[in-house]
Amino acid sequence: MKTLEATIVSDCGRYKVEIERRSGGSLQVTAYRWTEEVVAGYGKVAEFWEPVPQSVTITDTLNRAKQLACEKLKLFARPDETPDQPATES
């Protein structure tokens, strides 16, 4: 069972990172992107936090987990991103 230790939201509000304590004591850091599904003729049919692929990291201290969370948010929530594609490092 996991316990939520912290949630950090990006300035734009479209990304968040959750830090969860796993049953063995390690911490799992996972990034999520706010997703809205719109169907032509119907409008918005769903909205939810979707995990960002390849974004799960495991670490052993809460301080390091928060550092990793901030790094993830900097990577995903940059101004040159598009809704479907996070910004890439240049």
C-alpha atoms as a PDB file:
ATOM      1  CA  MET A   1       0.000   0.000   0.000  1.00  0.00           C
ATOM      2  CA  LYS A   2       1.209   3.511  -0.813  1.00  0.00           C
ATOM      3  CA  THR A   3       0.814   6.656   1.286  1.00  0.00           C
ATOM      4  CA  LEU A   4       0.755  10.089  -0.338  1.00  0.00           C
ATOM      5  CA  GLU A   5       3.576  12.174   1.166  1.00  0.00           C
ATOM      6  CA  ALA A   6       3.393  15.306  -1.036  1.00  0.00           C
ATOM      7  CA  THR A   7       1.910  16.781  -4.198  1.00  0.00           C
ATOM      8  CA  ILE A   8       3.643  19.557  -6.131  1.00  0.00           C
ATOM      9  CA  VAL A   9       1.763  21.343  -8.949  1.00  0.00           C
ATOM     10  CA  SER A  10       3.411  23.248 -11.806  1.00  0.00           C
ATOM     11  CA  ASP A  11       2.912  27.010 -12.098  1.00  0.00           C
ATOM     12  CA  CYS A  12       0.716  26.508 -15.169  1.00  0.00           C
ATOM     13  CA  GLY A  13      -1.447  23.968 -13.297  1.00  0.00           C
ATOM     14  CA  ARG A  14      -1.285  21.410 -16.117  1.00  0.00           C
ATOM     15  CA  TYR A  15       1.291  19.142 -14.474  1.00  0.00           C
ATOM     16  CA  LYS A  16       1.723  17.731 -10.995  1.00  0.00           C
ATOM     17  CA  VAL A  17       4.065  15.340  -9.268  1.00  0.00           C
ATOM     18  CA  GLU A  18       2.979  13.015  -6.483  1.00  0.00           C
ATOM     19  CA  ILE A  19       5.416  11.595  -3.958  1.00  0.00           C
ATOM     20  CA  GLU A  20       4.172   8.364  -2.409  1.00  0.00           C
ATOM     21  CA  ARG A  21       5.767   6.196   0.277  1.00  0.00           C
ATOM     22  CA  ARG A  22       5.786   2.548  -0.769  1.00  0.00           C
ATOM     23  CA  SER A  23       5.254  -0.324   1.656  1.00  0.00           C
ATOM     24  CA  GLY A  24       8.997  -1.029   1.803  1.00  0.00           C
ATOM     25  CA  GLY A  25       9.763   2.553   2.868  1.00  0.00           C
ATOM     26  CA  SER A  26      11.117   3.883  -0.442  1.00  0.00           C
ATOM     27  CA  LEU A  27       9.501   6.865  -2.145  1.00  0.00           C
ATOM     28  CA  GLN A  28       7.917   6.839  -5.588  1.00  0.00           C
ATOM     29  CA  VAL A  29       7.872  10.091  -7.589  1.00  0.00           C
ATOM     30  CA  THR A  30       5.328  10.144 -10.449  1.00  0.00           C
ATOM     31  CA  ALA A  31       4.498  12.988 -12.849  1.00  0.00           C
ATOM     32  CA  TYR A  32       0.975  13.554 -14.190  1.00  0.00           C
ATOM     33  CA  ARG A  33      -0.443  15.753 -16.958  1.00  0.00           C
ATOM     34  CA  TRP A  34      -3.963  17.258 -16.857  1.00  0.00           C
ATOM     35  CA  THR A  35      -5.813  15.821 -19.848  1.00  0.00           C
ATOM     36  CA  GLU A  36      -9.079  16.949 -21.385  1.00  0.00           C
ATOM     37  CA  GLU A  37     -10.764  14.816 -24.030  1.00  0.00           C
ATOM     38  CA  VAL A  38     -12.957  16.709 -26.478  1.00  0.00           C
ATOM     39  CA  VAL A  39     -15.170  14.999 -29.046  1.00  0.00           C
ATOM     40  CA  ALA A  40     -16.379  16.982 -32.046  1.00  0.00           C
ATOM     41  CA  GLY A  41     -20.103  17.597 -31.761  1.00  0.00           C
ATOM     42  CA  TYR A  42     -20.183  16.698 -28.043  1.00  0.00           C
ATOM     43  CA  GLY A  43     -17.580  18.902 -26.406  1.00  0.00           C
ATOM     44  CA  LYS A  44     -15.517  17.886 -23.414  1.00  0.00           C
ATOM     45  CA  VAL A  45     -16.300  14.306 -22.445  1.00  0.00           C
ATOM     46  CA  ALA A  46     -13.582  13.645 -19.870  1.00  0.00           C
ATOM     47  CA  GLU A  47     -10.876  15.340 -17.826  1.00  0.00           C
ATOM     48  CA  PHE A  48      -8.367  13.609 -15.581  1.00  0.00           C
ATOM     49  CA  TRP A  49      -4.756  13.419 -14.370  1.00  0.00           C
ATOM     50  CA  GLU A  50      -2.875  11.095 -16.721  1.00  0.00           C
ATOM     51  CA  PRO A  51       0.517   9.638 -15.730  1.00  0.00           C
ATOM     52  CA  VAL A  52       3.337  10.897 -17.956  1.00  0.00           C
ATOM     53  CA  PRO A  53       4.952   7.829 -19.603  1.00  0.00           C
ATOM     54  CA  GLN A  54       8.408   6.921 -18.291  1.00  0.00           C
ATOM     55  CA  SER A  55       8.078   9.366 -15.384  1.00  0.00           C
ATOM     56  CA  VAL A  56       8.241   7.099 -12.316  1.00  0.00           C
ATOM     57  CA  THR A  57      11.343   7.437 -10.131  1.00  0.00           C
ATOM     58  CA  ILE A  58      12.183   5.636  -6.878  1.00  0.00           C
ATOM     59  CA  THR A  59      14.359   7.211  -4.165  1.00  0.00           C
ATOM     60  CA  ASP A  60      15.015   6.846  -0.445  1.00  0.00           C
ATOM     61  CA  THR A  61      14.572  10.309   1.137  1.00  0.00           C
ATOM     62  CA  LEU A  62      11.755  12.842   1.040  1.00  0.00           C
ATOM     63  CA  ASN A  63      14.206  15.673   0.395  1.00  0.00           C
ATOM     64  CA  ARG A  64      15.603  13.928  -2.695  1.00  0.00           C
ATOM     65  CA  ALA A  65      12.071  13.029  -3.832  1.00  0.00           C
ATOM     66  CA  LYS A  66      11.105  16.726  -3.707  1.00  0.00           C
ATOM     67  CA  GLN A  67      14.225  17.646  -5.708  1.00  0.00           C
ATOM     68  CA  LEU A  68      13.336  15.054  -8.344  1.00  0.00           C
ATOM     69  CA  ALA A  69       9.743  16.312  -8.419  1.00  0.00           C
ATOM     70  CA  CYS A  70      10.914  19.863  -9.128  1.00  0.00           C
ATOM     71  CA  GLU A  71      13.235  18.595 -11.879  1.00  0.00           C
ATOM     72  CA  LYS A  72      10.338  16.722 -13.493  1.00  0.00           C
ATOM     73  CA  LEU A  73       8.111  19.802 -13.403  1.00  0.00           C
ATOM     74  CA  LYS A  74      10.837  21.932 -14.993  1.00  0.00           C
ATOM     75  CA  LEU A  75      11.185  19.388 -17.778  1.00  0.00           C
ATOM     76  CA  PHE A  76       7.467  18.921 -18.487  1.00  0.00           C
ATOM     77  CA  ALA A  77       6.019  22.380 -17.819  1.00  0.00           C
ATOM     78  CA  ARG A  78       8.189  24.640 -19.943  1.00  0.00           C
ATOM     79  CA  PRO A  79       6.715  27.529 -21.982  1.00  0.00           C
ATOM     80  CA  ASP A  80       7.668  25.983 -25.358  1.00  0.00           C
ATOM     81  CA  GLU A  81       5.551  22.872 -24.832  1.00  0.00           C
ATOM     82  CA  THR A  82       2.406  21.914 -26.689  1.00  0.00           C
ATOM     83  CA  PRO A  83      -0.550  20.149 -25.043  1.00  0.00           C
ATOM     84  CA  ASP A  84       0.406  16.791 -26.564  1.00  0.00           C
ATOM     85  CA  GLN A  85       4.184  17.007 -26.409  1.00  0.00           C
ATOM     86  CA  PRO A  86       6.252  18.165 -23.416  1.00  0.00           C
ATOM     87  CA  ALA A  87       9.196  20.391 -24.187  1.00  0.00           C
ATOM     88  CA  THR A  88      12.455  18.610 -24.969  1.00  0.00           C
ATOM     89  CA  GLU A  89      15.914  19.539 -23.804  1.00  0.00           C
ATOM     90  CA  SER A  90      17.943  21.475 -26.388  1.00  0.00           C
END
